[in-house]
């Protein structure tokens, strides 16, 4: 296994758990906060509808988007390296990286634009 593929797997492992936590926060600060009082009780009142709205719409999207696009791009790079029929690998890796980078730039452009 090459050095690049080890880096891709490492980034995938390091972004998987934070992505899970961020998605959980997105669910808890979104629909769950407004539909039940249980979340408010579990968080000792820290996540009320006002705080949840700010967390859900201001703080979570940029962080979640960044982690998501890094995770997906590394996943595509692993797929490119595993497919035997894709030749030359480096061209496909560059294309995958550029598509992932374009997606991230597009996300931030739409979010902050």
N, C-alpha and C. Protein backbone atom coordinates (compact mmCIF):
# COMPACT_ATOMS: atom_id res chain seq x y z
N UNK A 1 0.86 -1.17 0.00
CA UNK A 1 0.00 0.00 0.00
C UNK A 1 0.90 1.24 0.00
N UNK A 2 0.58 2.19 -0.86
CA UNK A 2 1.38 3.40 -1.00
C UNK A 2 1.18 4.36 0.16
N UNK A 3 2.05 5.34 0.22
CA UNK A 3 1.97 6.33 1.30
C UNK A 3 0.70 7.17 1.19
N UNK A 4 0.31 7.49 -0.06
CA UNK A 4 -0.88 8.32 -0.23
C UNK A 4 -2.13 7.60 0.26
N UNK A 5 -2.27 6.32 -0.08
CA UNK A 5 -3.47 5.59 0.33
C UNK A 5 -3.53 5.47 1.86
N UNK A 6 -2.37 5.36 2.51
CA UNK A 6 -2.34 5.32 3.98
C UNK A 6 -2.84 6.65 4.55
N UNK A 7 -2.46 7.74 3.91
CA UNK A 7 -2.94 9.06 4.35
C UNK A 7 -4.45 9.15 4.15
N UNK A 8 -4.96 8.66 3.02
CA UNK A 8 -6.40 8.70 2.74
C UNK A 8 -7.16 7.92 3.80
N UNK A 9 -6.69 6.70 4.11
CA UNK A 9 -7.36 5.90 5.14
C UNK A 9 -7.28 6.57 6.50
N UNK A 10 -6.16 7.18 6.79
CA UNK A 10 -6.00 7.86 8.07
C UNK A 10 -6.98 9.02 8.20
N UNK A 11 -7.10 9.81 7.15
CA UNK A 11 -8.05 10.93 7.18
C UNK A 11 -9.48 10.42 7.29
N UNK A 12 -9.81 9.33 6.59
CA UNK A 12 -11.14 8.75 6.71
C UNK A 12 -11.43 8.33 8.14
N UNK A 13 -10.46 7.68 8.78
CA UNK A 13 -10.66 7.25 10.17
C UNK A 13 -10.82 8.44 11.11
N UNK A 14 -10.03 9.50 10.88
CA UNK A 14 -10.07 10.66 11.77
C UNK A 14 -11.31 11.52 11.56
N UNK A 15 -11.93 11.46 10.40
CA UNK A 15 -13.11 12.29 10.16
C UNK A 15 -14.43 11.56 10.39
N UNK A 16 -14.40 10.24 10.48
CA UNK A 16 -15.64 9.48 10.62
C UNK A 16 -16.36 9.79 11.93
N UNK A 17 -15.66 9.72 13.05
CA UNK A 17 -16.30 9.94 14.34
C UNK A 17 -16.75 11.40 14.52
N UNK A 18 -15.91 12.40 14.19
CA UNK A 18 -16.41 13.78 14.29
C UNK A 18 -17.62 14.03 13.40
N UNK A 19 -17.66 13.41 12.23
CA UNK A 19 -18.81 13.56 11.35
C UNK A 19 -20.07 12.97 11.99
N UNK A 20 -19.92 11.83 12.64
CA UNK A 20 -21.04 11.22 13.36
C UNK A 20 -21.54 12.14 14.47
N UNK A 21 -20.62 12.70 15.24
CA UNK A 21 -20.99 13.60 16.34
C UNK A 21 -21.66 14.87 15.80
N UNK A 22 -21.10 15.45 14.74
CA UNK A 22 -21.69 16.66 14.16
C UNK A 22 -23.09 16.40 13.62
N UNK A 23 -23.29 15.26 12.99
CA UNK A 23 -24.63 14.93 12.48
C UNK A 23 -25.60 14.72 13.64
N UNK A 24 -25.13 14.13 14.72
CA UNK A 24 -25.98 13.95 15.90
C UNK A 24 -26.38 15.31 16.47
N UNK A 25 -25.41 16.22 16.57
CA UNK A 25 -25.73 17.58 17.03
C UNK A 25 -26.72 18.27 16.10
N UNK A 26 -26.57 18.04 14.80
CA UNK A 26 -27.50 18.65 13.85
C UNK A 26 -28.91 18.12 14.07
N UNK A 27 -29.04 16.84 14.31
CA UNK A 27 -30.37 16.28 14.57
C UNK A 27 -30.93 16.77 15.91
N UNK A 28 -30.08 16.82 16.93
CA UNK A 28 -30.55 17.24 18.25
C UNK A 28 -30.86 18.73 18.31
N UNK A 29 -30.14 19.53 17.55
CA UNK A 29 -30.38 20.97 17.59
C UNK A 29 -31.40 21.40 16.55
N UNK A 30 -31.81 20.51 15.72
CA UNK A 30 -32.81 20.83 14.69
C UNK A 30 -34.19 20.37 15.10
N UNK A 31 -34.68 19.33 14.48
CA UNK A 31 -36.05 18.89 14.72
C UNK A 31 -36.32 18.45 16.15
N UNK A 32 -35.34 17.79 16.78
CA UNK A 32 -35.59 17.24 18.12
C UNK A 32 -35.85 18.32 19.16
N UNK A 33 -35.19 19.46 19.04
CA UNK A 33 -35.36 20.52 20.03
C UNK A 33 -36.74 21.12 19.98
N UNK A 34 -37.27 21.26 18.79
CA UNK A 34 -38.55 21.94 18.64
C UNK A 34 -39.73 20.99 18.80
N UNK A 35 -39.49 19.70 18.74
CA UNK A 35 -40.60 18.75 18.81
C UNK A 35 -40.76 18.12 20.17
N UNK A 36 -39.75 18.23 21.03
CA UNK A 36 -39.91 17.61 22.35
C UNK A 36 -39.17 18.40 23.41
N UNK A 37 -39.68 18.30 24.62
CA UNK A 37 -39.03 18.91 25.77
C UNK A 37 -37.95 18.00 26.33
N UNK A 38 -37.89 16.77 25.85
CA UNK A 38 -36.93 15.81 26.37
C UNK A 38 -35.48 16.25 26.14
N UNK A 39 -35.18 16.80 24.98
CA UNK A 39 -33.82 17.26 24.69
C UNK A 39 -33.45 18.39 25.63
N UNK A 40 -34.38 19.29 25.88
CA UNK A 40 -34.12 20.39 26.81
C UNK A 40 -33.82 19.85 28.21
N UNK A 41 -34.55 18.84 28.63
CA UNK A 41 -34.32 18.25 29.96
C UNK A 41 -32.98 17.52 30.00
N UNK A 42 -32.65 16.77 28.94
CA UNK A 42 -31.39 16.03 28.90
C UNK A 42 -30.18 16.95 28.93
N UNK A 43 -30.29 18.10 28.33
CA UNK A 43 -29.16 19.03 28.28
C UNK A 43 -29.23 20.08 29.39
N UNK A 44 -30.09 19.86 30.36
CA UNK A 44 -30.26 20.76 31.51
C UNK A 44 -30.59 22.18 31.08
N UNK A 45 -31.35 22.30 30.02
CA UNK A 45 -31.79 23.60 29.54
C UNK A 45 -30.79 24.34 28.68
N UNK A 46 -29.62 23.74 28.42
CA UNK A 46 -28.61 24.42 27.61
C UNK A 46 -29.03 24.53 26.15
N UNK A 47 -29.72 23.51 25.67
CA UNK A 47 -30.18 23.57 24.29
C UNK A 47 -31.68 23.86 24.32
N UNK A 48 -32.00 25.13 24.28
CA UNK A 48 -33.38 25.57 24.15
C UNK A 48 -33.60 25.96 22.69
N UNK A 49 -34.80 26.27 22.27
CA UNK A 49 -35.01 26.58 20.85
C UNK A 49 -34.15 27.72 20.32
N UNK A 50 -33.87 28.74 21.12
CA UNK A 50 -33.04 29.86 20.63
C UNK A 50 -31.58 29.43 20.43
N UNK A 51 -31.03 28.76 21.43
CA UNK A 51 -29.64 28.29 21.31
C UNK A 51 -29.52 27.22 20.23
N UNK A 52 -30.51 26.36 20.13
CA UNK A 52 -30.49 25.30 19.11
C UNK A 52 -30.55 25.89 17.71
N UNK A 53 -31.36 26.92 17.53
CA UNK A 53 -31.45 27.56 16.22
C UNK A 53 -30.13 28.16 15.80
N UNK A 54 -29.45 28.82 16.73
CA UNK A 54 -28.15 29.41 16.42
C UNK A 54 -27.11 28.32 16.14
N UNK A 55 -27.09 27.29 16.97
CA UNK A 55 -26.17 26.18 16.77
C UNK A 55 -26.42 25.50 15.43
N UNK A 56 -27.69 25.27 15.14
CA UNK A 56 -28.07 24.52 13.94
C UNK A 56 -27.85 25.31 12.65
N UNK A 57 -28.06 26.60 12.69
CA UNK A 57 -27.99 27.37 11.45
C UNK A 57 -26.72 28.21 11.29
N UNK A 58 -25.97 28.43 12.37
CA UNK A 58 -24.78 29.28 12.28
C UNK A 58 -23.49 28.48 12.47
N UNK A 59 -23.41 27.70 13.53
CA UNK A 59 -22.14 27.06 13.88
C UNK A 59 -21.94 25.70 13.24
N UNK A 60 -22.97 24.89 13.17
CA UNK A 60 -22.80 23.52 12.66
C UNK A 60 -22.56 23.41 11.15
N UNK A 61 -23.26 24.15 10.30
CA UNK A 61 -23.08 23.93 8.86
C UNK A 61 -21.66 24.10 8.33
N UNK A 62 -20.92 25.15 8.68
CA UNK A 62 -19.56 25.23 8.12
C UNK A 62 -18.63 24.12 8.59
N UNK A 63 -18.72 23.77 9.87
CA UNK A 63 -17.85 22.72 10.40
C UNK A 63 -18.24 21.37 9.81
N UNK A 64 -19.54 21.09 9.80
CA UNK A 64 -20.02 19.82 9.25
C UNK A 64 -19.71 19.73 7.76
N UNK A 65 -19.90 20.81 7.03
CA UNK A 65 -19.60 20.82 5.60
C UNK A 65 -18.14 20.54 5.33
N UNK A 66 -17.25 21.16 6.08
CA UNK A 66 -15.82 20.95 5.90
C UNK A 66 -15.45 19.49 6.17
N UNK A 67 -15.89 18.96 7.31
CA UNK A 67 -15.57 17.58 7.65
C UNK A 67 -16.19 16.62 6.63
N UNK A 68 -17.42 16.90 6.21
CA UNK A 68 -18.10 16.05 5.23
C UNK A 68 -17.34 16.00 3.91
N UNK A 69 -16.97 17.15 3.37
CA UNK A 69 -16.30 17.17 2.08
C UNK A 69 -14.90 16.56 2.15
N UNK A 70 -14.19 16.75 3.24
CA UNK A 70 -12.88 16.10 3.40
C UNK A 70 -13.07 14.59 3.45
N UNK A 71 -14.05 14.13 4.21
CA UNK A 71 -14.32 12.70 4.35
C UNK A 71 -14.71 12.08 3.00
N UNK A 72 -15.61 12.73 2.28
CA UNK A 72 -16.07 12.21 0.99
C UNK A 72 -14.94 12.21 -0.04
N UNK A 73 -14.15 13.27 -0.07
CA UNK A 73 -13.04 13.34 -1.02
C UNK A 73 -12.03 12.23 -0.76
N UNK A 74 -11.70 12.00 0.50
CA UNK A 74 -10.76 10.92 0.82
C UNK A 74 -11.37 9.56 0.47
N UNK A 75 -12.68 9.41 0.67
CA UNK A 75 -13.34 8.17 0.29
C UNK A 75 -13.26 7.92 -1.21
N UNK A 76 -13.47 8.96 -2.01
CA UNK A 76 -13.34 8.82 -3.46
C UNK A 76 -11.90 8.48 -3.86
N UNK A 77 -10.93 9.07 -3.18
CA UNK A 77 -9.54 8.77 -3.48
C UNK A 77 -9.20 7.32 -3.16
N UNK A 78 -9.78 6.78 -2.09
CA UNK A 78 -9.59 5.36 -1.76
C UNK A 78 -10.22 4.49 -2.85
N UNK A 79 -11.42 4.86 -3.29
CA UNK A 79 -12.09 4.10 -4.35
C UNK A 79 -11.25 4.11 -5.62
N UNK A 80 -10.73 5.27 -5.99
CA UNK A 80 -9.90 5.37 -7.19
C UNK A 80 -8.69 4.45 -7.08
N UNK A 81 -8.08 4.39 -5.91
CA UNK A 81 -6.90 3.54 -5.74
C UNK A 81 -7.24 2.06 -5.73
N UNK A 82 -8.46 1.69 -5.36
CA UNK A 82 -8.83 0.28 -5.30
C UNK A 82 -9.29 -0.28 -6.64
N UNK A 83 -9.79 0.57 -7.51
CA UNK A 83 -10.27 0.09 -8.81
C UNK A 83 -9.08 -0.17 -9.74
N UNK A 84 -8.95 -1.40 -10.14
CA UNK A 84 -7.79 -1.80 -10.95
C UNK A 84 -7.86 -1.25 -12.38
N UNK A 85 -9.06 -1.07 -12.92
CA UNK A 85 -9.20 -0.69 -14.32
C UNK A 85 -9.01 0.81 -14.56
N UNK A 86 -8.95 1.62 -13.50
CA UNK A 86 -8.71 3.05 -13.68
C UNK A 86 -7.22 3.30 -13.88
N UNK A 87 -6.86 3.79 -15.03
CA UNK A 87 -5.46 4.09 -15.34
C UNK A 87 -5.41 5.46 -16.00
N UNK A 88 -4.48 6.28 -15.81
CA UNK A 88 -3.47 6.31 -14.75
C UNK A 88 -4.08 6.81 -13.44
N UNK A 89 -3.68 6.21 -12.37
CA UNK A 89 -4.24 6.50 -11.04
C UNK A 89 -4.07 7.97 -10.64
N UNK A 90 -2.91 8.51 -10.89
CA UNK A 90 -2.62 9.88 -10.43
C UNK A 90 -3.57 10.89 -11.08
N UNK A 91 -3.93 10.67 -12.34
CA UNK A 91 -4.87 11.58 -13.01
C UNK A 91 -6.23 11.51 -12.33
N UNK A 92 -6.69 10.30 -12.04
CA UNK A 92 -7.99 10.14 -11.37
C UNK A 92 -7.96 10.68 -9.95
N UNK A 93 -6.82 10.56 -9.28
CA UNK A 93 -6.70 11.12 -7.94
C UNK A 93 -6.79 12.65 -8.00
N UNK A 94 -6.12 13.25 -8.94
CA UNK A 94 -6.17 14.71 -9.10
C UNK A 94 -7.59 15.16 -9.43
N UNK A 95 -8.25 14.44 -10.34
CA UNK A 95 -9.63 14.78 -10.70
C UNK A 95 -10.55 14.65 -9.48
N UNK A 96 -10.41 13.57 -8.72
CA UNK A 96 -11.23 13.39 -7.51
C UNK A 96 -10.98 14.49 -6.50
N UNK A 97 -9.71 14.85 -6.32
CA UNK A 97 -9.37 15.91 -5.38
C UNK A 97 -9.94 17.25 -5.84
N UNK A 98 -9.85 17.53 -7.13
CA UNK A 98 -10.38 18.79 -7.65
C UNK A 98 -11.90 18.86 -7.54
N UNK A 99 -12.58 17.75 -7.82
CA UNK A 99 -14.04 17.72 -7.69
C UNK A 99 -14.44 17.93 -6.23
N UNK A 100 -13.74 17.28 -5.29
CA UNK A 100 -14.02 17.47 -3.87
C UNK A 100 -13.76 18.90 -3.43
N UNK A 101 -12.66 19.48 -3.91
CA UNK A 101 -12.34 20.87 -3.57
C UNK A 101 -13.37 21.83 -4.15
N UNK A 102 -13.80 21.57 -5.39
CA UNK A 102 -14.84 22.39 -6.00
C UNK A 102 -16.14 22.31 -5.21
N UNK A 103 -16.50 21.10 -4.77
CA UNK A 103 -17.70 20.95 -3.95
C UNK A 103 -17.61 21.73 -2.66
N UNK A 104 -16.44 21.69 -2.01
CA UNK A 104 -16.26 22.44 -0.77
C UNK A 104 -16.33 23.95 -1.02
N UNK A 105 -15.69 24.41 -2.07
CA UNK A 105 -15.76 25.84 -2.41
C UNK A 105 -17.18 26.27 -2.75
N UNK A 106 -17.88 25.41 -3.47
CA UNK A 106 -19.28 25.71 -3.81
C UNK A 106 -20.14 25.78 -2.55
N UNK A 107 -19.93 24.83 -1.63
CA UNK A 107 -20.69 24.84 -0.38
C UNK A 107 -20.46 26.13 0.39
N UNK A 108 -19.19 26.50 0.58
CA UNK A 108 -18.90 27.72 1.34
C UNK A 108 -19.37 28.96 0.58
N UNK A 109 -19.26 28.95 -0.74
CA UNK A 109 -19.77 30.08 -1.52
C UNK A 109 -21.26 30.26 -1.37
N UNK A 110 -22.00 29.16 -1.37
CA UNK A 110 -23.45 29.24 -1.20
C UNK A 110 -23.82 29.58 0.24
N UNK A 111 -23.06 29.05 1.20
CA UNK A 111 -23.39 29.27 2.61
C UNK A 111 -23.10 30.72 3.02
N UNK A 112 -21.96 31.24 2.61
CA UNK A 112 -21.60 32.59 3.01
C UNK A 112 -21.95 33.66 1.99
N UNK A 113 -22.44 33.25 0.82
CA UNK A 113 -22.71 34.21 -0.25
C UNK A 113 -23.99 34.94 -0.15
